[in-house]
Amino acid sequence: MTKVIFIGGTGTDIGKTYVTCLLLRQLRTQGFSARAIKPVISGFDANDIASSDSGQILMAMEQDLTLENIKRISPWRYKDPLPPHIAAADAGEVISGDDLLDFCNSQAAEDLDYLLIEGVGGIMVPLNYNETMLDILQRLGTPCLLVTGSYLGTISHTMTAISCLDQKNVPLAGLVISESFQNYINFDLILGDFTKMLPNILIKNIARNDCSTDLTTLIKDGS
């Protein structure tokens, strides 16, 4: 049975795709069958697939960078780099939570060891004017690996996100602290605080371009 993990974030541009790709490569290196999807993506440029989050995921799965392959993992693609409900509206569309859920479940039905589902933006980002990413995550019933940053304000943002997950009864597989480039705070300070505040949560920190930290223990042991 496929083990499904949702990769969520405390905000946008926080490191979700880097974590998703690193996990993919590590799982595949360890001999597991693993793939990832990013159902919704905004700021997508069809003329520059390689630079997109979905393109990065394809490369991590060693798949060709073609638009057809992008469509298979990211059915909802929007050019404008805006929150998904606004980007969709600008394209004359409304993202259906039911359709998104059906797509994720169809991918989970495949014969895999692991399926990683990367969210869009933060976990409370609106998909439409009635549903957020968290609503879909709750309906999926899968654990969330939460990605946060090492910036000033991260403690409040992270604890708020965890509280939202808890209110929806979404299991927290673990927490990944991804290195931030703006308003940076020392990793050790952030890790120390989170370790004290979340004593029962598995936590890892990764610097940008860090490929050596094993994240697979979070999804193997934390869910």
N, C-alpha and C. Protein backbone atom coordinates (compact mmCIF):
# COMPACT_ATOMS: atom_id res chain seq x y z
N MET A 1 0.85 -1.20 0.00
CA MET A 1 0.00 0.00 0.00
C MET A 1 0.88 1.25 0.00
N THR A 2 0.54 2.19 -0.84
CA THR A 2 1.33 3.41 -0.97
C THR A 2 1.21 4.26 0.29
N LYS A 3 2.36 4.68 0.80
CA LYS A 3 2.38 5.61 1.92
C LYS A 3 2.41 7.02 1.36
N VAL A 4 1.41 7.81 1.71
CA VAL A 4 1.27 9.16 1.16
C VAL A 4 1.68 10.19 2.21
N ILE A 5 2.54 11.10 1.82
CA ILE A 5 2.98 12.18 2.69
C ILE A 5 2.73 13.51 2.00
N PHE A 6 2.11 14.42 2.72
CA PHE A 6 1.88 15.76 2.19
C PHE A 6 3.01 16.67 2.65
N ILE A 7 3.63 17.38 1.71
CA ILE A 7 4.69 18.33 2.03
C ILE A 7 4.07 19.72 2.06
N GLY A 8 3.87 20.24 3.26
CA GLY A 8 3.25 21.55 3.42
C GLY A 8 4.24 22.57 3.93
N GLY A 9 3.88 23.83 3.85
CA GLY A 9 4.78 24.88 4.29
C GLY A 9 4.08 25.91 5.14
N THR A 10 4.87 26.68 5.87
CA THR A 10 4.33 27.78 6.66
C THR A 10 4.10 29.01 5.78
N GLY A 11 4.58 28.96 4.56
CA GLY A 11 4.40 30.07 3.63
C GLY A 11 4.94 29.70 2.27
N THR A 12 4.97 30.66 1.38
CA THR A 12 5.49 30.41 0.04
C THR A 12 7.00 30.62 0.00
N ASP A 13 7.65 29.99 -0.97
CA ASP A 13 9.10 30.11 -1.14
C ASP A 13 9.85 29.79 0.15
N ILE A 14 9.39 28.72 0.80
CA ILE A 14 9.96 28.35 2.10
C ILE A 14 10.91 27.17 2.00
N GLY A 15 10.88 26.46 0.85
CA GLY A 15 11.76 25.31 0.67
C GLY A 15 11.04 23.99 0.47
N LYS A 16 9.73 24.03 0.20
CA LYS A 16 8.96 22.79 0.04
C LYS A 16 9.49 21.94 -1.11
N THR A 17 9.75 22.59 -2.24
CA THR A 17 10.20 21.83 -3.41
C THR A 17 11.57 21.22 -3.18
N TYR A 18 12.45 21.96 -2.53
CA TYR A 18 13.78 21.41 -2.24
C TYR A 18 13.65 20.18 -1.35
N VAL A 19 12.80 20.26 -0.33
CA VAL A 19 12.59 19.12 0.57
C VAL A 19 11.96 17.95 -0.20
N THR A 20 10.98 18.24 -1.04
CA THR A 20 10.33 17.19 -1.82
C THR A 20 11.34 16.47 -2.70
N CYS A 21 12.16 17.22 -3.40
CA CYS A 21 13.14 16.62 -4.31
C CYS A 21 14.22 15.86 -3.55
N LEU A 22 14.65 16.40 -2.43
CA LEU A 22 15.67 15.71 -1.62
C LEU A 22 15.12 14.39 -1.10
N LEU A 23 13.88 14.41 -0.62
CA LEU A 23 13.25 13.17 -0.15
C LEU A 23 13.12 12.15 -1.27
N LEU A 24 12.69 12.61 -2.44
CA LEU A 24 12.56 11.71 -3.58
C LEU A 24 13.87 11.01 -3.88
N ARG A 25 14.93 11.78 -3.99
CA ARG A 25 16.23 11.21 -4.33
C ARG A 25 16.71 10.25 -3.24
N GLN A 26 16.50 10.60 -1.99
CA GLN A 26 16.95 9.74 -0.91
C GLN A 26 16.16 8.43 -0.86
N LEU A 27 14.85 8.51 -1.04
CA LEU A 27 14.03 7.30 -1.04
C LEU A 27 14.39 6.39 -2.20
N ARG A 28 14.58 6.97 -3.37
CA ARG A 28 14.92 6.16 -4.55
C ARG A 28 16.31 5.55 -4.40
N THR A 29 17.24 6.28 -3.81
CA THR A 29 18.58 5.74 -3.56
C THR A 29 18.52 4.56 -2.60
N GLN A 30 17.58 4.61 -1.66
CA GLN A 30 17.43 3.53 -0.69
C GLN A 30 16.64 2.34 -1.25
N GLY A 31 16.24 2.43 -2.51
CA GLY A 31 15.57 1.30 -3.15
C GLY A 31 14.06 1.34 -3.13
N PHE A 32 13.47 2.43 -2.64
CA PHE A 32 12.02 2.55 -2.60
C PHE A 32 11.49 3.11 -3.92
N SER A 33 10.30 2.66 -4.29
CA SER A 33 9.62 3.28 -5.42
C SER A 33 8.90 4.52 -4.89
N ALA A 34 9.26 5.66 -5.42
CA ALA A 34 8.70 6.92 -4.92
C ALA A 34 8.51 7.90 -6.06
N ARG A 35 7.43 8.63 -6.00
CA ARG A 35 7.20 9.71 -6.95
C ARG A 35 6.53 10.86 -6.22
N ALA A 36 6.48 11.99 -6.87
CA ALA A 36 5.88 13.17 -6.26
C ALA A 36 4.99 13.89 -7.27
N ILE A 37 4.01 14.58 -6.73
CA ILE A 37 3.15 15.43 -7.55
C ILE A 37 3.05 16.80 -6.88
N LYS A 38 2.82 17.80 -7.68
CA LYS A 38 2.51 19.14 -7.18
C LYS A 38 1.28 19.58 -7.95
N PRO A 39 0.10 19.22 -7.46
CA PRO A 39 -1.12 19.40 -8.24
C PRO A 39 -1.37 20.82 -8.72
N VAL A 40 -1.06 21.80 -7.86
CA VAL A 40 -1.34 23.20 -8.20
C VAL A 40 -0.03 23.99 -8.18
N ILE A 41 0.22 24.72 -9.24
CA ILE A 41 1.41 25.57 -9.29
C ILE A 41 1.04 26.90 -9.94
N SER A 42 1.46 27.99 -9.32
CA SER A 42 1.29 29.31 -9.93
C SER A 42 2.68 29.86 -10.26
N GLY A 43 2.72 30.87 -11.10
CA GLY A 43 4.01 31.38 -11.56
C GLY A 43 4.72 30.42 -12.50
N PHE A 44 3.94 29.61 -13.22
CA PHE A 44 4.52 28.60 -14.11
C PHE A 44 4.72 29.16 -15.50
N ASP A 45 5.95 29.03 -16.00
CA ASP A 45 6.29 29.49 -17.35
C ASP A 45 6.56 28.26 -18.22
N ALA A 46 5.67 28.01 -19.16
CA ALA A 46 5.80 26.83 -20.02
C ALA A 46 7.04 26.88 -20.89
N ASN A 47 7.63 28.06 -21.03
CA ASN A 47 8.85 28.19 -21.82
C ASN A 47 10.12 28.01 -20.99
N ASP A 48 9.95 27.81 -19.70
CA ASP A 48 11.09 27.61 -18.81
C ASP A 48 10.75 26.54 -17.78
N ILE A 49 10.46 25.35 -18.28
CA ILE A 49 10.03 24.25 -17.42
C ILE A 49 11.07 23.91 -16.37
N ALA A 50 12.34 23.93 -16.74
CA ALA A 50 13.40 23.49 -15.84
C ALA A 50 13.47 24.31 -14.56
N SER A 51 13.09 25.58 -14.64
CA SER A 51 13.18 26.46 -13.47
C SER A 51 11.97 26.35 -12.56
N SER A 52 10.94 25.67 -13.00
CA SER A 52 9.71 25.58 -12.21
C SER A 52 9.84 24.52 -11.13
N ASP A 53 9.00 24.64 -10.11
CA ASP A 53 8.97 23.62 -9.06
C ASP A 53 8.64 22.25 -9.64
N SER A 54 7.68 22.21 -10.54
CA SER A 54 7.29 20.94 -11.16
C SER A 54 8.43 20.36 -11.98
N GLY A 55 9.17 21.22 -12.66
CA GLY A 55 10.34 20.76 -13.41
C GLY A 55 11.41 20.18 -12.51
N GLN A 56 11.62 20.80 -11.36
CA GLN A 56 12.59 20.28 -10.40
C GLN A 56 12.17 18.89 -9.92
N ILE A 57 10.88 18.70 -9.72
CA ILE A 57 10.37 17.39 -9.29
C ILE A 57 10.60 16.35 -10.37
N LEU A 58 10.33 16.71 -11.62
CA LEU A 58 10.58 15.77 -12.73
C LEU A 58 12.03 15.34 -12.76
N MET A 59 12.94 16.29 -12.59
CA MET A 59 14.36 15.96 -12.61
C MET A 59 14.72 15.04 -11.45
N ALA A 60 14.11 15.25 -10.29
CA ALA A 60 14.38 14.38 -9.15
C ALA A 60 13.90 12.96 -9.40
N MET A 61 12.86 12.83 -10.25
CA MET A 61 12.34 11.51 -10.61
C MET A 61 13.00 10.96 -11.87
N GLU A 62 13.97 11.72 -12.39
CA GLU A 62 14.71 11.34 -13.60
C GLU A 62 13.78 11.16 -14.79
N GLN A 63 12.83 12.09 -14.92
CA GLN A 63 11.91 12.09 -16.05
C GLN A 63 12.23 13.26 -16.98
N ASP A 64 11.88 13.10 -18.25
CA ASP A 64 12.16 14.13 -19.23
C ASP A 64 11.37 15.41 -18.92
N LEU A 65 12.01 16.54 -19.20
CA LEU A 65 11.37 17.84 -18.96
C LEU A 65 10.49 18.20 -20.15
N THR A 66 9.32 17.58 -20.19
CA THR A 66 8.35 17.86 -21.24
C THR A 66 7.07 18.39 -20.62
N LEU A 67 6.31 19.14 -21.41
CA LEU A 67 5.06 19.68 -20.91
C LEU A 67 4.08 18.56 -20.58
N GLU A 68 4.12 17.48 -21.34
CA GLU A 68 3.23 16.34 -21.05
C GLU A 68 3.52 15.76 -19.67
N ASN A 69 4.80 15.62 -19.34
CA ASN A 69 5.15 15.10 -18.02
C ASN A 69 4.77 16.09 -16.92
N ILE A 70 4.92 17.38 -17.20
CA ILE A 70 4.49 18.40 -16.24
C ILE A 70 3.00 18.27 -15.97
N LYS A 71 2.22 18.09 -17.03
CA LYS A 71 0.76 17.99 -16.88
C LYS A 71 0.37 16.80 -16.01
N ARG A 72 1.16 15.74 -16.05
CA ARG A 72 0.83 14.54 -15.28
C ARG A 72 0.99 14.77 -13.77
N ILE A 73 1.90 15.65 -13.39
CA ILE A 73 2.11 15.87 -11.96
C ILE A 73 1.52 17.20 -11.48
N SER A 74 1.22 18.09 -12.42
CA SER A 74 0.68 19.42 -12.06
C SER A 74 -0.45 19.79 -13.02
N PRO A 75 -1.64 19.23 -12.79
CA PRO A 75 -2.76 19.52 -13.70
C PRO A 75 -3.22 20.98 -13.66
N TRP A 76 -3.08 21.63 -12.51
CA TRP A 76 -3.52 23.01 -12.36
C TRP A 76 -2.30 23.93 -12.42
N ARG A 77 -2.07 24.52 -13.57
CA ARG A 77 -0.89 25.35 -13.79
C ARG A 77 -1.33 26.76 -14.19
N TYR A 78 -0.74 27.74 -13.50
CA TYR A 78 -1.12 29.12 -13.76
C TYR A 78 0.11 29.99 -13.93
N LYS A 79 0.04 30.88 -14.90
CA LYS A 79 1.19 31.72 -15.24
C LYS A 79 1.46 32.79 -14.19
N ASP A 80 0.41 33.39 -13.66
CA ASP A 80 0.60 34.49 -12.72
C ASP A 80 1.15 33.99 -11.38
N PRO A 81 2.19 34.64 -10.85
CA PRO A 81 2.75 34.24 -9.55
C PRO A 81 1.93 34.83 -8.41
N LEU A 82 0.73 34.30 -8.27
CA LEU A 82 -0.24 34.81 -7.30
C LEU A 82 -0.82 33.67 -6.49
N PRO A 83 -1.51 33.96 -5.38
CA PRO A 83 -2.21 32.89 -4.67
C PRO A 83 -3.09 32.11 -5.64
N PRO A 84 -3.22 30.81 -5.46
CA PRO A 84 -3.88 29.98 -6.48
C PRO A 84 -5.30 30.39 -6.83
N HIS A 85 -6.07 30.84 -5.84
CA HIS A 85 -7.45 31.22 -6.16
C HIS A 85 -7.50 32.45 -7.05
N ILE A 86 -6.53 33.35 -6.88
CA ILE A 86 -6.47 34.55 -7.72
C ILE A 86 -5.89 34.23 -9.09
N ALA A 87 -4.83 33.42 -9.10
CA ALA A 87 -4.22 33.02 -10.38
C ALA A 87 -5.22 32.26 -11.23
N ALA A 88 -6.01 31.39 -10.59
CA ALA A 88 -7.03 30.64 -11.33
C ALA A 88 -8.10 31.58 -11.87
N ALA A 89 -8.54 32.53 -11.05
CA ALA A 89 -9.56 33.47 -11.49
C ALA A 89 -9.08 34.30 -12.67
N ASP A 90 -7.81 34.70 -12.64
CA ASP A 90 -7.24 35.46 -13.76
C ASP A 90 -7.23 34.64 -15.05
N ALA A 91 -7.18 33.30 -14.89
CA ALA A 91 -7.20 32.41 -16.05
C ALA A 91 -8.62 31.97 -16.41
N GLY A 92 -9.60 32.53 -15.72
CA GLY A 92 -10.99 32.19 -15.98
C GLY A 92 -11.40 30.85 -15.42
N GLU A 93 -10.74 30.41 -14.36
CA GLU A 93 -11.02 29.10 -13.78
C GLU A 93 -11.31 29.22 -12.28
N VAL A 94 -11.89 28.15 -11.76
CA VAL A 94 -12.06 27.98 -10.31
C VAL A 94 -11.52 26.60 -9.97
N ILE A 95 -10.61 26.52 -9.03
CA ILE A 95 -10.06 25.23 -8.62
C ILE A 95 -11.09 24.49 -7.78
N SER A 96 -11.43 23.29 -8.20
CA SER A 96 -12.40 22.47 -7.48
C SER A 96 -11.68 21.58 -6.47
N GLY A 97 -12.06 21.71 -5.20
CA GLY A 97 -11.47 20.86 -4.18
C GLY A 97 -11.74 19.39 -4.43
N ASP A 98 -12.94 19.08 -4.92
CA ASP A 98 -13.29 17.68 -5.21
C ASP A 98 -12.40 17.12 -6.31
N ASP A 99 -12.18 17.91 -7.36
CA ASP A 99 -11.32 17.45 -8.46
C ASP A 99 -9.88 17.27 -7.99
N LEU A 100 -9.42 18.19 -7.17
CA LEU A 100 -8.06 18.09 -6.64
C LEU A 100 -7.91 16.85 -5.78
N LEU A 101 -8.90 16.60 -4.95
CA LEU A 101 -8.87 15.41 -4.09
C LEU A 101 -8.89 14.14 -4.93
N ASP A 102 -9.73 14.11 -5.96
CA ASP A 102 -9.80 12.93 -6.84
C ASP A 102 -8.46 12.67 -7.51
N PHE A 103 -7.79 13.73 -7.95
CA PHE A 103 -6.50 13.57 -8.60
C PHE A 103 -5.48 12.97 -7.63
N CYS A 104 -5.42 13.51 -6.43
CA CYS A 104 -4.46 13.01 -5.44
C CYS A 104 -4.74 11.55 -5.10
N ASN A 105 -6.00 11.21 -4.93
CA ASN A 105 -6.35 9.83 -4.59
C ASN A 105 -6.03 8.87 -5.74
N SER A 106 -6.20 9.33 -6.97
CA SER A 106 -5.87 8.47 -8.12
C SER A 106 -4.38 8.20 -8.17
N GLN A 107 -3.57 9.18 -7.81
CA GLN A 107 -2.12 8.98 -7.79
C GLN A 107 -1.72 8.05 -6.65
N ALA A 108 -2.41 8.16 -5.53
CA ALA A 108 -2.11 7.30 -4.38
C ALA A 108 -2.49 5.85 -4.64
N ALA A 109 -3.38 5.63 -5.61
CA ALA A 109 -3.82 4.26 -5.91
C ALA A 109 -2.79 3.49 -6.71
N GLU A 110 -1.76 4.18 -7.22
CA GLU A 110 -0.73 3.49 -7.98
C GLU A 110 0.14 2.64 -7.06
N ASP A 111 0.80 1.65 -7.63
CA ASP A 111 1.61 0.71 -6.86
C ASP A 111 2.98 1.32 -6.57
N LEU A 112 3.07 2.02 -5.44
CA LEU A 112 4.29 2.71 -5.04
C LEU A 112 4.56 2.46 -3.56
N ASP A 113 5.81 2.67 -3.17
CA ASP A 113 6.11 2.68 -1.74
C ASP A 113 5.73 4.02 -1.13
N TYR A 114 6.07 5.10 -1.84
CA TYR A 114 5.80 6.44 -1.32
C TYR A 114 5.27 7.36 -2.42
N LEU A 115 4.27 8.15 -2.06
CA LEU A 115 3.81 9.25 -2.89
C LEU A 115 3.92 10.53 -2.07
N LEU A 116 4.66 11.50 -2.59
CA LEU A 116 4.79 12.80 -1.94
C LEU A 116 3.89 13.79 -2.68
N ILE A 117 3.06 14.49 -1.93
CA ILE A 117 2.18 15.50 -2.51
C ILE A 117 2.64 16.86 -2.00
N GLU A 118 3.20 17.65 -2.90
CA GLU A 118 3.65 18.98 -2.48
C GLU A 118 2.52 19.99 -2.62
N GLY A 119 2.26 20.72 -1.55
CA GLY A 119 1.23 21.73 -1.57
C GLY A 119 1.68 22.99 -2.29
N VAL A 120 0.79 23.95 -2.35
CA VAL A 120 1.10 25.25 -2.97
C VAL A 120 1.01 26.30 -1.87
N GLY A 121 2.00 27.18 -1.79
CA GLY A 121 1.98 28.22 -0.77
C GLY A 121 2.00 27.63 0.63
N GLY A 122 1.39 28.34 1.57
CA GLY A 122 1.26 27.85 2.94
C GLY A 122 0.04 26.96 3.09
N ILE A 123 -0.06 26.29 4.22
CA ILE A 123 -1.14 25.31 4.37
C ILE A 123 -2.53 25.96 4.41
N MET A 124 -2.61 27.25 4.72
CA MET A 124 -3.90 27.92 4.76
C MET A 124 -4.19 28.73 3.50
N VAL A 125 -3.40 28.54 2.45
CA VAL A 125 -3.63 29.30 1.23
C VAL A 125 -4.98 28.92 0.62
N PRO A 126 -5.77 29.90 0.18
CA PRO A 126 -7.06 29.57 -0.44
C PRO A 126 -6.88 28.92 -1.81
N LEU A 127 -7.66 27.88 -2.06
CA LEU A 127 -7.74 27.29 -3.39
C LEU A 127 -8.89 27.92 -4.18
N ASN A 128 -9.93 28.26 -3.45
CA ASN A 128 -11.06 29.02 -3.98
C ASN A 128 -11.60 29.81 -2.79
N TYR A 129 -12.75 30.41 -2.93
CA TYR A 129 -13.23 31.25 -1.83
C TYR A 129 -13.94 30.46 -0.74
N ASN A 130 -13.94 29.14 -0.85
CA ASN A 130 -14.56 28.31 0.18
C ASN A 130 -13.63 27.26 0.76
N GLU A 131 -12.51 26.98 0.09
CA GLU A 131 -11.62 25.90 0.53
C GLU A 131 -10.17 26.36 0.55
N THR A 132 -9.45 25.88 1.56
CA THR A 132 -8.02 26.12 1.65
C THR A 132 -7.26 24.82 1.38
N MET A 133 -5.95 24.94 1.26
CA MET A 133 -5.12 23.75 1.09
C MET A 133 -5.29 22.82 2.28
N LEU A 134 -5.47 23.39 3.47
CA LEU A 134 -5.65 22.58 4.67
C LEU A 134 -6.93 21.76 4.61
N ASP A 135 -7.98 22.30 4.03
CA ASP A 135 -9.23 21.54 3.89
C ASP A 135 -9.01 20.28 3.05
N ILE A 136 -8.24 20.41 1.99
CA ILE A 136 -7.95 19.25 1.14
C ILE A 136 -7.07 18.26 1.88
N LEU A 137 -6.10 18.78 2.61
CA LEU A 137 -5.22 17.91 3.39
C LEU A 137 -6.01 17.12 4.41
N GLN A 138 -6.96 17.76 5.06
CA GLN A 138 -7.80 17.06 6.03
C GLN A 138 -8.60 15.94 5.36
N ARG A 139 -9.14 16.21 4.20
CA ARG A 139 -9.93 15.20 3.49
C ARG A 139 -9.05 14.06 2.97
N LEU A 140 -7.81 14.37 2.64
CA LEU A 140 -6.88 13.33 2.20
C LEU A 140 -6.59 12.34 3.33
N GLY A 141 -6.52 12.86 4.55
CA GLY A 141 -6.25 11.99 5.69
C GLY A 141 -4.81 11.51 5.76
N THR A 142 -3.88 12.28 5.20
CA THR A 142 -2.48 11.88 5.19
C THR A 142 -1.67 12.75 6.14
N PRO A 143 -0.54 12.24 6.63
CA PRO A 143 0.33 13.05 7.50
C PRO A 143 0.95 14.20 6.72
N CYS A 144 1.29 15.25 7.44
CA CYS A 144 1.93 16.41 6.84
C CYS A 144 3.36 16.55 7.36
N LEU A 145 4.30 16.65 6.44
CA LEU A 145 5.66 17.03 6.78
C LEU A 145 5.74 18.53 6.56
N LEU A 146 5.90 19.28 7.63
CA LEU A 146 5.82 20.73 7.57
C LEU A 146 7.20 21.34 7.37
N VAL A 147 7.31 22.23 6.39
CA VAL A 147 8.56 22.92 6.10
C VAL A 147 8.44 24.37 6.54
N THR A 148 9.41 24.81 7.33
CA THR A 148 9.43 26.20 7.78
C THR A 148 10.81 26.78 7.51
N GLY A 149 11.01 28.05 7.86
CA GLY A 149 12.28 28.70 7.59
C GLY A 149 13.04 29.07 8.85
N SER A 150 14.21 29.67 8.65
CA SER A 150 15.05 30.09 9.78
C SER A 150 15.11 31.61 9.84
N TYR A 151 13.96 32.24 9.68
CA TYR A 151 13.88 33.70 9.60
C TYR A 151 13.20 34.27 10.85
N LEU A 152 13.34 35.55 11.05
CA LEU A 152 12.67 36.22 12.15
C LEU A 152 11.15 36.13 11.95
N GLY A 153 10.45 35.55 12.90
CA GLY A 153 9.01 35.35 12.79
C GLY A 153 8.62 33.91 12.57
N THR A 154 9.61 33.05 12.33
CA THR A 154 9.30 31.66 12.00
C THR A 154 8.63 30.91 13.15
N ILE A 155 8.97 31.26 14.39
CA ILE A 155 8.38 30.53 15.52
C ILE A 155 6.87 30.75 15.55
N SER A 156 6.45 32.00 15.42
CA SER A 156 5.02 32.30 15.42
C SER A 156 4.31 31.64 14.23
N HIS A 157 4.90 31.76 13.05
CA HIS A 157 4.28 31.18 11.85
C HIS A 157 4.18 29.66 11.96
N THR A 158 5.23 29.05 12.48
CA THR A 158 5.26 27.59 12.58
C THR A 158 4.27 27.08 13.61
N MET A 159 4.25 27.70 14.78
CA MET A 159 3.33 27.26 15.82
C MET A 159 1.88 27.48 15.40
N THR A 160 1.63 28.54 14.63
CA THR A 160 0.28 28.77 14.12
C THR A 160 -0.12 27.68 13.13
N ALA A 161 0.80 27.33 12.24
CA ALA A 161 0.52 26.27 11.26
C ALA A 161 0.27 24.94 11.96
N ILE A 162 1.07 24.63 12.96
CA ILE A 162 0.89 23.37 13.69
C ILE A 162 -0.44 23.36 14.42
N SER A 163 -0.83 24.51 14.98
CA SER A 163 -2.13 24.61 15.64
C SER A 163 -3.27 24.37 14.65
N CYS A 164 -3.14 24.90 13.45
CA CYS A 164 -4.16 24.68 12.41
C CYS A 164 -4.25 23.21 12.03
N LEU A 165 -3.10 22.56 11.88
CA LEU A 165 -3.09 21.13 11.57
C LEU A 165 -3.77 20.34 12.68
N ASP A 166 -3.47 20.70 13.91
CA ASP A 166 -4.04 20.00 15.06
C ASP A 166 -5.56 20.17 15.12
N GLN A 167 -6.04 21.37 14.82
CA GLN A 167 -7.48 21.61 14.83
C GLN A 167 -8.21 20.77 13.80
N LYS A 168 -7.54 20.45 12.72
CA LYS A 168 -8.14 19.64 11.66
C LYS A 168 -7.80 18.15 11.81
N ASN A 169 -7.12 17.81 12.93
CA ASN A 169 -6.73 16.42 13.20
C ASN A 169 -5.83 15.84 12.11
N VAL A 170 -4.95 16.68 11.58
CA VAL A 170 -3.98 16.22 10.58
C VAL A 170 -2.70 15.83 11.30
N PRO A 171 -2.25 14.59 11.18
CA PRO A 171 -1.02 14.16 11.86
C PRO A 171 0.19 14.92 11.33
N LEU A 172 1.08 15.32 12.23
CA LEU A 172 2.31 15.99 11.85
C LEU A 172 3.43 14.97 11.81
N ALA A 173 3.92 14.67 10.61
CA ALA A 173 4.98 13.67 10.46
C ALA A 173 6.30 14.18 11.02
N GLY A 174 6.54 15.47 10.87
CA GLY A 174 7.79 16.05 11.34
C GLY A 174 7.91 17.47 10.86
N LEU A 175 8.98 18.12 11.27
CA LEU A 175 9.23 19.51 10.93
C LEU A 175 10.61 19.63 10.30
N VAL A 176 10.69 20.31 9.16
CA VAL A 176 11.97 20.59 8.52
C VAL A 176 12.20 22.10 8.54
N ILE A 177 13.32 22.50 9.13
CA ILE A 177 13.70 23.92 9.14
C ILE A 177 14.63 24.15 7.97
N SER A 178 14.16 24.91 6.99
CA SER A 178 14.93 25.18 5.78
C SER A 178 15.62 26.54 5.90
N GLU A 179 16.86 26.60 5.49
CA GLU A 179 17.63 27.83 5.62
C GLU A 179 17.00 28.98 4.83
N SER A 180 16.82 30.10 5.50
CA SER A 180 16.28 31.29 4.86
C SER A 180 17.41 32.25 4.51
N PHE A 181 17.18 33.05 3.48
CA PHE A 181 18.18 34.02 3.06
C PHE A 181 17.91 35.42 3.58
N GLN A 182 16.67 35.69 3.97
CA GLN A 182 16.32 37.01 4.49
C GLN A 182 15.94 36.92 5.96
N ASN A 183 16.32 37.93 6.73
CA ASN A 183 16.03 37.98 8.17
C ASN A 183 16.48 36.69 8.86
N TYR A 184 17.67 36.23 8.46
CA TYR A 184 18.17 34.93 8.91
C TYR A 184 18.44 34.92 10.41
N ILE A 185 18.07 33.81 11.05
CA ILE A 185 18.39 33.55 12.45
C ILE A 185 19.18 32.24 12.51
N ASN A 186 20.16 32.19 13.37
CA ASN A 186 21.03 31.02 13.48
C ASN A 186 20.23 29.73 13.64
N PHE A 187 20.62 28.71 12.85
CA PHE A 187 19.95 27.41 12.89
C PHE A 187 19.87 26.84 14.30
N ASP A 188 20.98 26.90 15.03
CA ASP A 188 21.04 26.28 16.35
C ASP A 188 20.04 26.91 17.31
N LEU A 189 19.87 28.23 17.20
CA LEU A 189 18.90 28.91 18.07
C LEU A 189 17.48 28.46 17.76
N ILE A 190 17.15 28.42 16.46
CA ILE A 190 15.81 28.02 16.05
C ILE A 190 15.55 26.56 16.42
N LEU A 191 16.51 25.70 16.13
CA LEU A 191 16.35 24.28 16.43
C LEU A 191 16.19 24.07 17.93
N GLY A 192 16.97 24.81 18.72
CA GLY A 192 16.86 24.68 20.17
C GLY A 192 15.49 25.07 20.68
N ASP A 193 14.96 26.17 20.16
CA ASP A 193 13.63 26.62 20.59
C ASP A 193 12.55 25.62 20.20
N PHE A 194 12.59 25.17 18.95
CA PHE A 194 11.57 24.22 18.50
C PHE A 194 11.66 22.90 19.26
N THR A 195 12.86 22.47 19.56
CA THR A 195 13.04 21.22 20.31
C THR A 195 12.40 21.33 21.69
N LYS A 196 12.51 22.49 22.32
CA LYS A 196 11.90 22.69 23.63
C LYS A 196 10.39 22.83 23.53
N MET A 197 9.92 23.50 22.50
CA MET A 197 8.49 23.76 22.36
C MET A 197 7.72 22.58 21.79
N LEU A 198 8.43 21.73 21.03
CA LEU A 198 7.79 20.58 20.37
C LEU A 198 8.57 19.31 20.70
N PRO A 199 8.57 18.92 21.97
CA PRO A 199 9.44 17.81 22.40
C PRO A 199 9.10 16.47 21.78
N ASN A 200 7.88 16.32 21.27
CA ASN A 200 7.46 15.03 20.73
C ASN A 200 7.46 15.00 19.20
N ILE A 201 7.99 16.04 18.59
CA ILE A 201 8.01 16.14 17.13
C ILE A 201 9.41 15.92 16.60
N LEU A 202 9.54 15.10 15.55
CA LEU A 202 10.83 14.91 14.90
C LEU A 202 11.17 16.15 14.09
N ILE A 203 12.38 16.66 14.27
CA ILE A 203 12.79 17.91 13.63
C ILE A 203 14.15 17.74 12.97
N LYS A 204 14.26 18.25 11.74
CA LYS A 204 15.54 18.29 11.04
C LYS A 204 15.74 19.70 10.49
N ASN A 205 17.00 20.14 10.40
CA ASN A 205 17.26 21.40 9.70
C ASN A 205 18.18 21.14 8.52
N ILE A 206 17.93 21.86 7.44
CA ILE A 206 18.75 21.69 6.24
C ILE A 206 19.15 23.04 5.69
N ALA A 207 20.43 23.17 5.36
CA ALA A 207 20.90 24.36 4.66
C ALA A 207 20.56 24.22 3.18
N ARG A 208 20.47 25.34 2.49
CA ARG A 208 20.26 25.28 1.05
C ARG A 208 21.44 24.55 0.41
N ASN A 209 21.13 23.68 -0.53
CA ASN A 209 22.13 22.85 -1.21
C ASN A 209 22.66 21.73 -0.33
N ASP A 210 22.02 21.49 0.82
CA ASP A 210 22.41 20.37 1.68
C ASP A 210 21.74 19.10 1.16
N CYS A 211 22.54 18.14 0.74
CA CYS A 211 22.00 16.87 0.23
C CYS A 211 22.30 15.71 1.17
N SER A 212 22.99 15.98 2.26
CA SER A 212 23.47 14.90 3.12
C SER A 212 22.54 14.58 4.29
N THR A 213 21.72 15.54 4.70
CA THR A 213 20.82 15.31 5.83
C THR A 213 19.72 14.34 5.43
N ASP A 214 19.62 13.22 6.14
CA ASP A 214 18.64 12.19 5.81
C ASP A 214 17.26 12.60 6.32
N LEU A 215 16.37 12.93 5.40
CA LEU A 215 15.01 13.31 5.78
C LEU A 215 14.06 12.13 5.81
N THR A 216 14.49 10.99 5.32
CA THR A 216 13.58 9.84 5.23
C THR A 216 13.15 9.34 6.60
N THR A 217 13.97 9.59 7.63
CA THR A 217 13.59 9.14 8.97
C THR A 217 12.35 9.86 9.47
N LEU A 218 12.09 11.06 8.95
CA LEU A 218 10.91 11.80 9.36
C LEU A 218 9.63 11.12 8.89
N ILE A 219 9.64 10.64 7.67
CA ILE A 219 8.41 10.06 7.14
C ILE A 219 8.31 8.57 7.44
N LYS A 220 9.41 7.95 7.79
CA LYS A 220 9.36 6.54 8.17
C LYS A 220 8.93 6.38 9.62
N ASP A 221 9.43 7.26 10.48
CA ASP A 221 9.19 7.12 11.92
C ASP A 221 8.12 8.06 12.45
N GLY A 222 7.83 9.11 11.69
CA GLY A 222 6.98 10.16 12.23
C GLY A 222 5.53 10.09 11.82
N SER A 223 5.10 8.98 11.25
CA SER A 223 3.70 8.92 10.83
C SER A 223 3.15 7.53 11.06
